[in-house]
Structure formats: structure tokens, C-alpha cells
Amino acid sequence: MSESSPLMEVDLFPPEVDNLDHPQVRRFRELLEEVATEYHCRLLFFDIEHGTVSFPFDSDQLMAEILDILQDGRPSRS
């Protein structure tokens, strides 16, 4: 685990989605929290601004896998 995890920013929703209480945003946060539980780590922060979600986990491994998925469309591990 890292002392200062990088902040992941993903344009995921339309720009008008700008509220943490939006149903799709709440569901996405729940999904991230489930993933954190599976990886035995924590979701450190979660925010949305004009459709862009921002979040870090306290796991470098999980952050790297998310980057791989976003870049290549699949995780790096088998």
C-alpha cells in the first residue's frame, strides 16, 4: 500500500451528472466499495464534478489494474 495514492479521474457520466446523490453515481460508488472489500483495501476518497468521478484506493495493485483496464480494456493478470 502507498502513503499517497494517485487520484484516478474518469469521465464516466454526462456533464450534467454532478451530484453524489445521483442514483448512477451512488451505484458506482457502491461498486468501488465492493471492489475495495475484495482487494482488502479502502476507497480513500470519492467525488464527482460535471460527470468526472475522482477516487483513489489505498492499494497500488488495484490502482494499477484499474489503469490497465481503462487503457487496454482488460486486467493485466490472468
PDB file of N, CA and C in Angstrom:
ATOM      1  N   MET A   1       0.829  -1.178   0.000  1.00  0.00           N
ATOM      2  CA  MET A   1       0.000   0.000   0.000  1.00  0.00           C
ATOM      3  C   MET A   1       0.873   1.241   0.000  1.00  0.00           C
ATOM      4  N   SER A   2       0.341   2.282  -0.563  1.00  0.00           N
ATOM      5  CA  SER A   2       1.098   3.503  -0.753  1.00  0.00           C
ATOM      6  C   SER A   2       0.670   4.567   0.249  1.00  0.00           C
ATOM      7  N   GLU A   3       1.625   5.423   0.626  1.00  0.00           N
ATOM      8  CA  GLU A   3       1.296   6.515   1.536  1.00  0.00           C
ATOM      9  C   GLU A   3       0.470   7.582   0.841  1.00  0.00           C
ATOM     10  N   SER A   4       0.747   7.865  -0.427  1.00  0.00           N
ATOM     11  CA  SER A   4      -0.043   8.847  -1.160  1.00  0.00           C
ATOM     12  C   SER A   4      -0.469   8.228  -2.482  1.00  0.00           C
ATOM     13  N   SER A   5      -1.669   7.712  -2.490  1.00  0.00           N
ATOM     14  CA  SER A   5      -2.200   7.065  -3.677  1.00  0.00           C
ATOM     15  C   SER A   5      -2.571   8.110  -4.714  1.00  0.00           C
ATOM     16  N   PRO A   6      -2.320   7.805  -5.993  1.00  0.00           N
ATOM     17  CA  PRO A   6      -2.703   8.744  -7.047  1.00  0.00           C
ATOM     18  C   PRO A   6      -4.222   8.820  -7.157  1.00  0.00           C
ATOM     19  N   LEU A   7      -4.691   9.952  -7.574  1.00  0.00           N
ATOM     20  CA  LEU A   7      -6.119  10.173  -7.757  1.00  0.00           C
ATOM     21  C   LEU A   7      -6.503   9.754  -9.167  1.00  0.00           C
ATOM     22  N   MET A   8      -7.444   8.851  -9.282  1.00  0.00           N
ATOM     23  CA  MET A   8      -7.952   8.400 -10.566  1.00  0.00           C
ATOM     24  C   MET A   8      -9.104   9.331 -10.950  1.00  0.00           C
ATOM     25  N   GLU A   9      -9.093   9.859 -12.165  1.00  0.00           N
ATOM     26  CA  GLU A   9     -10.183  10.682 -12.663  1.00  0.00           C
ATOM     27  C   GLU A   9     -10.678  10.077 -13.965  1.00  0.00           C
ATOM     28  N   VAL A  10     -11.988   9.795 -14.020  1.00  0.00           N
ATOM     29  CA  VAL A  10     -12.569   9.128 -15.172  1.00  0.00           C
ATOM     30  C   VAL A  10     -13.833   9.872 -15.597  1.00  0.00           C
ATOM     31  N   ASP A  11     -13.885  10.263 -16.873  1.00  0.00           N
ATOM     32  CA  ASP A  11     -15.105  10.854 -17.429  1.00  0.00           C
ATOM     33  C   ASP A  11     -16.078   9.717 -17.664  1.00  0.00           C
ATOM     34  N   LEU A  12     -17.014   9.555 -16.752  1.00  0.00           N
ATOM     35  CA  LEU A  12     -17.866   8.382 -16.760  1.00  0.00           C
ATOM     36  C   LEU A  12     -19.327   8.705 -17.059  1.00  0.00           C
ATOM     37  N   PHE A  13     -19.757   9.877 -16.668  1.00  0.00           N
ATOM     38  CA  PHE A  13     -21.155  10.259 -16.808  1.00  0.00           C
ATOM     39  C   PHE A  13     -21.269  11.526 -17.650  1.00  0.00           C
ATOM     40  N   PRO A  14     -22.474  11.829 -18.140  1.00  0.00           N
ATOM     41  CA  PRO A  14     -22.667  13.099 -18.850  1.00  0.00           C
ATOM     42  C   PRO A  14     -22.353  14.274 -17.915  1.00  0.00           C
ATOM     43  N   PRO A  15     -21.942  15.416 -18.461  1.00  0.00           N
ATOM     44  CA  PRO A  15     -21.558  16.564 -17.633  1.00  0.00           C
ATOM     45  C   PRO A  15     -22.649  17.040 -16.667  1.00  0.00           C
ATOM     46  N   GLU A  16     -23.898  16.826 -17.014  1.00  0.00           N
ATOM     47  CA  GLU A  16     -24.974  17.277 -16.125  1.00  0.00           C
ATOM     48  C   GLU A  16     -25.111  16.416 -14.862  1.00  0.00           C
ATOM     49  N   VAL A  17     -24.452  15.258 -14.846  1.00  0.00           N
ATOM     50  CA  VAL A  17     -24.433  14.426 -13.639  1.00  0.00           C
ATOM     51  C   VAL A  17     -23.327  14.993 -12.745  1.00  0.00           C
ATOM     52  N   ASP A  18     -23.746  15.690 -11.690  1.00  0.00           N
ATOM     53  CA  ASP A  18     -22.809  16.457 -10.880  1.00  0.00           C
ATOM     54  C   ASP A  18     -23.174  16.408  -9.402  1.00  0.00           C
ATOM     55  N   ASN A  19     -23.726  15.261  -8.967  1.00  0.00           N
ATOM     56  CA  ASN A  19     -24.227  15.184  -7.605  1.00  0.00           C
ATOM     57  C   ASN A  19     -23.949  13.791  -7.051  1.00  0.00           C
ATOM     58  N   LEU A  20     -23.387  13.740  -5.857  1.00  0.00           N
ATOM     59  CA  LEU A  20     -23.090  12.450  -5.228  1.00  0.00           C
ATOM     60  C   LEU A  20     -24.342  11.641  -4.919  1.00  0.00           C
ATOM     61  N   ASP A  21     -25.502  12.297  -4.887  1.00  0.00           N
ATOM     62  CA  ASP A  21     -26.754  11.598  -4.605  1.00  0.00           C
ATOM     63  C   ASP A  21     -27.447  11.063  -5.856  1.00  0.00           C
ATOM     64  N   HIS A  22     -26.892  11.313  -7.024  1.00  0.00           N
ATOM     65  CA  HIS A  22     -27.466  10.793  -8.268  1.00  0.00           C
ATOM     66  C   HIS A  22     -27.442   9.264  -8.195  1.00  0.00           C
ATOM     67  N   PRO A  23     -28.529   8.586  -8.581  1.00  0.00           N
ATOM     68  CA  PRO A  23     -28.584   7.117  -8.451  1.00  0.00           C
ATOM     69  C   PRO A  23     -27.434   6.377  -9.140  1.00  0.00           C
ATOM     70  N   GLN A  24     -27.035   6.796 -10.320  1.00  0.00           N
ATOM     71  CA  GLN A  24     -25.936   6.126 -11.017  1.00  0.00           C
ATOM     72  C   GLN A  24     -24.603   6.352 -10.304  1.00  0.00           C
ATOM     73  N   VAL A  25     -24.428   7.533  -9.753  1.00  0.00           N
ATOM     74  CA  VAL A  25     -23.202   7.854  -9.027  1.00  0.00           C
ATOM     75  C   VAL A  25     -23.144   7.052  -7.734  1.00  0.00           C
ATOM     76  N   ARG A  26     -24.263   6.975  -7.025  1.00  0.00           N
ATOM     77  CA  ARG A  26     -24.304   6.171  -5.795  1.00  0.00           C
ATOM     78  C   ARG A  26     -23.990   4.718  -6.097  1.00  0.00           C
ATOM     79  N   ARG A  27     -24.555   4.180  -7.184  1.00  0.00           N
ATOM     80  CA  ARG A  27     -24.300   2.776  -7.543  1.00  0.00           C
ATOM     81  C   ARG A  27     -22.829   2.559  -7.894  1.00  0.00           C
ATOM     82  N   PHE A  28     -22.218   3.504  -8.606  1.00  0.00           N
ATOM     83  CA  PHE A  28     -20.815   3.366  -8.956  1.00  0.00           C
ATOM     84  C   PHE A  28     -19.944   3.387  -7.703  1.00  0.00           C
ATOM     85  N   ARG A  29     -20.267   4.276  -6.767  1.00  0.00           N
ATOM     86  CA  ARG A  29     -19.500   4.305  -5.519  1.00  0.00           C
ATOM     87  C   ARG A  29     -19.639   2.984  -4.764  1.00  0.00           C
ATOM     88  N   GLU A  30     -20.844   2.435  -4.728  1.00  0.00           N
ATOM     89  CA  GLU A  30     -21.049   1.134  -4.075  1.00  0.00           C
ATOM     90  C   GLU A  30     -20.206   0.056  -4.744  1.00  0.00           C
ATOM     91  N   LEU A  31     -20.137   0.096  -6.070  1.00  0.00           N
ATOM     92  CA  LEU A  31     -19.315  -0.857  -6.808  1.00  0.00           C
ATOM     93  C   LEU A  31     -17.844  -0.718  -6.425  1.00  0.00           C
ATOM     94  N   LEU A  32     -17.350   0.510  -6.342  1.00  0.00           N
ATOM     95  CA  LEU A  32     -15.961   0.737  -5.942  1.00  0.00           C
ATOM     96  C   LEU A  32     -15.704   0.237  -4.527  1.00  0.00           C
ATOM     97  N   GLU A  33     -16.658   0.437  -3.632  1.00  0.00           N
ATOM     98  CA  GLU A  33     -16.502  -0.036  -2.258  1.00  0.00           C
ATOM     99  C   GLU A  33     -16.497  -1.562  -2.198  1.00  0.00           C
ATOM    100  N   GLU A  34     -17.288  -2.210  -3.058  1.00  0.00           N
ATOM    101  CA  GLU A  34     -17.273  -3.680  -3.131  1.00  0.00           C
ATOM    102  C   GLU A  34     -15.921  -4.176  -3.620  1.00  0.00           C
ATOM    103  N   VAL A  35     -15.378  -3.517  -4.634  1.00  0.00           N
ATOM    104  CA  VAL A  35     -14.067  -3.891  -5.158  1.00  0.00           C
ATOM    105  C   VAL A  35     -13.002  -3.713  -4.076  1.00  0.00           C
ATOM    106  N   ALA A  36     -13.077  -2.612  -3.337  1.00  0.00           N
ATOM    107  CA  ALA A  36     -12.116  -2.384  -2.255  1.00  0.00           C
ATOM    108  C   ALA A  36     -12.174  -3.517  -1.241  1.00  0.00           C
ATOM    109  N   THR A  37     -13.366  -3.959  -0.904  1.00  0.00           N
ATOM    110  CA  THR A  37     -13.518  -5.066   0.041  1.00  0.00           C
ATOM    111  C   THR A  37     -12.877  -6.331  -0.511  1.00  0.00           C
ATOM    112  N   GLU A  38     -13.081  -6.610  -1.789  1.00  0.00           N
ATOM    113  CA  GLU A  38     -12.497  -7.794  -2.409  1.00  0.00           C
ATOM    114  C   GLU A  38     -10.966  -7.746  -2.396  1.00  0.00           C
ATOM    115  N   TYR A  39     -10.397  -6.562  -2.519  1.00  0.00           N
ATOM    116  CA  TYR A  39      -8.944  -6.398  -2.547  1.00  0.00           C
ATOM    117  C   TYR A  39      -8.363  -6.092  -1.167  1.00  0.00           C
ATOM    118  N   HIS A  40      -9.200  -6.134  -0.152  1.00  0.00           N
ATOM    119  CA  HIS A  40      -8.767  -5.873   1.224  1.00  0.00           C
ATOM    120  C   HIS A  40      -8.084  -4.515   1.346  1.00  0.00           C
ATOM    121  N   CYS A  41      -8.730  -3.510   0.759  1.00  0.00           N
ATOM    122  CA  CYS A  41      -8.209  -2.157   0.836  1.00  0.00           C
ATOM    123  C   CYS A  41      -9.381  -1.198   1.053  1.00  0.00           C
ATOM    124  N   ARG A  42      -9.087   0.092   0.972  1.00  0.00           N
ATOM    125  CA  ARG A  42     -10.124   1.093   1.204  1.00  0.00           C
ATOM    126  C   ARG A  42     -10.224   2.066   0.041  1.00  0.00           C
ATOM    127  N   LEU A  43     -11.444   2.512  -0.208  1.00  0.00           N
ATOM    128  CA  LEU A  43     -11.686   3.636  -1.092  1.00  0.00           C
ATOM    129  C   LEU A  43     -11.436   4.875  -0.239  1.00  0.00           C
ATOM    130  N   LEU A  44     -10.416   5.663  -0.585  1.00  0.00           N
ATOM    131  CA  LEU A  44     -10.000   6.767   0.266  1.00  0.00           C
ATOM    132  C   LEU A  44     -10.803   8.041   0.069  1.00  0.00           C
ATOM    133  N   PHE A  45     -11.344   8.223  -1.111  1.00  0.00           N
ATOM    134  CA  PHE A  45     -11.999   9.477  -1.469  1.00  0.00           C
ATOM    135  C   PHE A  45     -12.891   9.194  -2.661  1.00  0.00           C
ATOM    136  N   PHE A  46     -13.996   9.916  -2.766  1.00  0.00           N
ATOM    137  CA  PHE A  46     -14.869   9.774  -3.928  1.00  0.00           C
ATOM    138  C   PHE A  46     -15.573  11.104  -4.154  1.00  0.00           C
ATOM    139  N   ASP A  47     -15.526  11.598  -5.388  1.00  0.00           N
ATOM    140  CA  ASP A  47     -16.202  12.848  -5.719  1.00  0.00           C
ATOM    141  C   ASP A  47     -16.594  12.817  -7.189  1.00  0.00           C
ATOM    142  N   ILE A  48     -17.501  13.694  -7.553  1.00  0.00           N
ATOM    143  CA  ILE A  48     -17.890  13.838  -8.954  1.00  0.00           C
ATOM    144  C   ILE A  48     -18.009  15.314  -9.271  1.00  0.00           C
ATOM    145  N   GLU A  49     -17.545  15.670 -10.457  1.00  0.00           N
ATOM    146  CA  GLU A  49     -17.669  17.048 -10.928  1.00  0.00           C
ATOM    147  C   GLU A  49     -17.940  17.012 -12.424  1.00  0.00           C
ATOM    148  N   HIS A  50     -19.119  17.464 -12.792  1.00  0.00           N
ATOM    149  CA  HIS A  50     -19.523  17.521 -14.200  1.00  0.00           C
ATOM    150  C   HIS A  50     -19.298  16.193 -14.922  1.00  0.00           C
ATOM    151  N   GLY A  51     -19.700  15.096 -14.280  1.00  0.00           N
ATOM    152  CA  GLY A  51     -19.624  13.774 -14.895  1.00  0.00           C
ATOM    153  C   GLY A  51     -18.311  13.043 -14.723  1.00  0.00           C
ATOM    154  N   THR A  52     -17.307  13.720 -14.184  1.00  0.00           N
ATOM    155  CA  THR A  52     -15.995  13.098 -13.974  1.00  0.00           C
ATOM    156  C   THR A  52     -15.885  12.644 -12.524  1.00  0.00           C
ATOM    157  N   VAL A  53     -15.683  11.347 -12.334  1.00  0.00           N
ATOM    158  CA  VAL A  53     -15.522  10.824 -10.985  1.00  0.00           C
ATOM    159  C   VAL A  53     -14.038  10.793 -10.635  1.00  0.00           C
ATOM    160  N   SER A  54     -13.755  11.077  -9.371  1.00  0.00           N
ATOM    161  CA  SER A  54     -12.382  11.082  -8.852  1.00  0.00           C
ATOM    162  C   SER A  54     -12.339  10.167  -7.642  1.00  0.00           C
ATOM    163  N   PHE A  55     -11.319   9.305  -7.611  1.00  0.00           N
ATOM    164  CA  PHE A  55     -11.190   8.391  -6.483  1.00  0.00           C
ATOM    165  C   PHE A  55      -9.798   7.780  -6.446  1.00  0.00           C
ATOM    166  N   PRO A  56      -9.292   7.488  -5.248  1.00  0.00           N
ATOM    167  CA  PRO A  56      -8.120   6.640  -5.073  1.00  0.00           C
ATOM    168  C   PRO A  56      -8.459   5.483  -4.129  1.00  0.00           C
ATOM    169  N   PHE A  57      -7.737   4.415  -4.282  1.00  0.00           N
ATOM    170  CA  PHE A  57      -7.754   3.318  -3.315  1.00  0.00           C
ATOM    171  C   PHE A  57      -6.408   3.335  -2.606  1.00  0.00           C
ATOM    172  N   ASP A  58      -6.319   2.696  -1.452  1.00  0.00           N
ATOM    173  CA  ASP A  58      -5.024   2.620  -0.771  1.00  0.00           C
ATOM    174  C   ASP A  58      -4.269   1.349  -1.162  1.00  0.00           C
ATOM    175  N   SER A  59      -4.492   0.893  -2.388  1.00  0.00           N
ATOM    176  CA  SER A  59      -3.801  -0.280  -2.920  1.00  0.00           C
ATOM    177  C   SER A  59      -3.198   0.066  -4.282  1.00  0.00           C
ATOM    178  N   ASP A  60      -1.868   0.057  -4.334  1.00  0.00           N
ATOM    179  CA  ASP A  60      -1.192   0.310  -5.607  1.00  0.00           C
ATOM    180  C   ASP A  60      -1.552  -0.754  -6.641  1.00  0.00           C
ATOM    181  N   GLN A  61      -1.697  -1.998  -6.194  1.00  0.00           N
ATOM    182  CA  GLN A  61      -2.042  -3.093  -7.107  1.00  0.00           C
ATOM    183  C   GLN A  61      -3.398  -2.839  -7.760  1.00  0.00           C
ATOM    184  N   LEU A  62      -4.381  -2.480  -6.971  1.00  0.00           N
ATOM    185  CA  LEU A  62      -5.711  -2.227  -7.522  1.00  0.00           C
ATOM    186  C   LEU A  62      -5.699  -1.018  -8.445  1.00  0.00           C
ATOM    187  N   MET A  63      -5.015   0.029  -8.060  1.00  0.00           N
ATOM    188  CA  MET A  63      -4.946   1.213  -8.922  1.00  0.00           C
ATOM    189  C   MET A  63      -4.289   0.861 -10.269  1.00  0.00           C
ATOM    190  N   ALA A  64      -3.248   0.048 -10.236  1.00  0.00           N
ATOM    191  CA  ALA A  64      -2.573  -0.365 -11.473  1.00  0.00           C
ATOM    192  C   ALA A  64      -3.507  -1.203 -12.345  1.00  0.00           C
ATOM    193  N   GLU A  65      -4.270  -2.090 -11.729  1.00  0.00           N
ATOM    194  CA  GLU A  65      -5.201  -2.916 -12.504  1.00  0.00           C
ATOM    195  C   GLU A  65      -6.299  -2.069 -13.128  1.00  0.00           C
ATOM    196  N   ILE A  66      -6.774  -1.072 -12.415  1.00  0.00           N
ATOM    197  CA  ILE A  66      -7.793  -0.183 -12.979  1.00  0.00           C
ATOM    198  C   ILE A  66      -7.221   0.575 -14.162  1.00  0.00           C
ATOM    199  N   LEU A  67      -5.996   1.056 -14.038  1.00  0.00           N
ATOM    200  CA  LEU A  67      -5.353   1.741 -15.172  1.00  0.00           C
ATOM    201  C   LEU A  67      -5.227   0.821 -16.378  1.00  0.00           C
ATOM    202  N   ASP A  68      -4.830  -0.428 -16.146  1.00  0.00           N
ATOM    203  CA  ASP A  68      -4.733  -1.396 -17.246  1.00  0.00           C
ATOM    204  C   ASP A  68      -6.077  -1.587 -17.926  1.00  0.00           C
ATOM    205  N   ILE A  69      -7.119  -1.714 -17.137  1.00  0.00           N
ATOM    206  CA  ILE A  69      -8.459  -1.905 -17.707  1.00  0.00           C
ATOM    207  C   ILE A  69      -8.873  -0.691 -18.521  1.00  0.00           C
ATOM    208  N   LEU A  70      -8.637   0.500 -17.992  1.00  0.00           N
ATOM    209  CA  LEU A  70      -9.018   1.722 -18.704  1.00  0.00           C
ATOM    210  C   LEU A  70      -8.220   1.901 -19.987  1.00  0.00           C
ATOM    211  N   GLN A  71      -6.960   1.491 -19.982  1.00  0.00           N
ATOM    212  CA  GLN A  71      -6.108   1.658 -21.162  1.00  0.00           C
ATOM    213  C   GLN A  71      -6.313   0.544 -22.190  1.00  0.00           C
ATOM    214  N   ASP A  72      -6.407  -0.687 -21.734  1.00  0.00           N
ATOM    215  CA  ASP A  72      -6.426  -1.835 -22.642  1.00  0.00           C
ATOM    216  C   ASP A  72      -7.781  -2.547 -22.706  1.00  0.00           C
ATOM    217  N   GLY A  73      -8.635  -2.269 -21.743  1.00  0.00           N
ATOM    218  CA  GLY A  73      -9.922  -2.935 -21.719  1.00  0.00           C
ATOM    219  C   GLY A  73      -9.928  -4.260 -20.979  1.00  0.00           C
ATOM    220  N   ARG A  74      -8.793  -4.612 -20.361  1.00  0.00           N
ATOM    221  CA  ARG A  74      -8.747  -5.878 -19.602  1.00  0.00           C
ATOM    222  C   ARG A  74      -7.659  -5.797 -18.533  1.00  0.00           C
ATOM    223  N   PRO A  75      -7.832  -6.557 -17.446  1.00  0.00           N
ATOM    224  CA  PRO A  75      -6.807  -6.553 -16.407  1.00  0.00           C
ATOM    225  C   PRO A  75      -5.531  -7.244 -16.888  1.00  0.00           C
ATOM    226  N   SER A  76      -4.401  -6.903 -16.265  1.00  0.00           N
ATOM    227  CA  SER A  76      -3.117  -7.460 -16.680  1.00  0.00           C
ATOM    228  C   SER A  76      -2.892  -8.865 -16.166  1.00  0.00           C
ATOM    229  N   ARG A  77      -3.523  -9.229 -15.062  1.00  0.00           N
ATOM    230  CA  ARG A  77      -3.289 -10.574 -14.528  1.00  0.00           C
ATOM    231  C   ARG A  77      -4.199 -11.587 -15.208  1.00  0.00           C
ATOM    232  N   SER A  78      -3.824 -12.849 -15.132  1.00  0.00           N
ATOM    233  CA  SER A  78      -4.583 -13.914 -15.788  1.00  0.00           C
ATOM    234  C   SER A  78      -5.771 -14.325 -14.983  1.00  0.00           C
TER     235      SER A  78
END
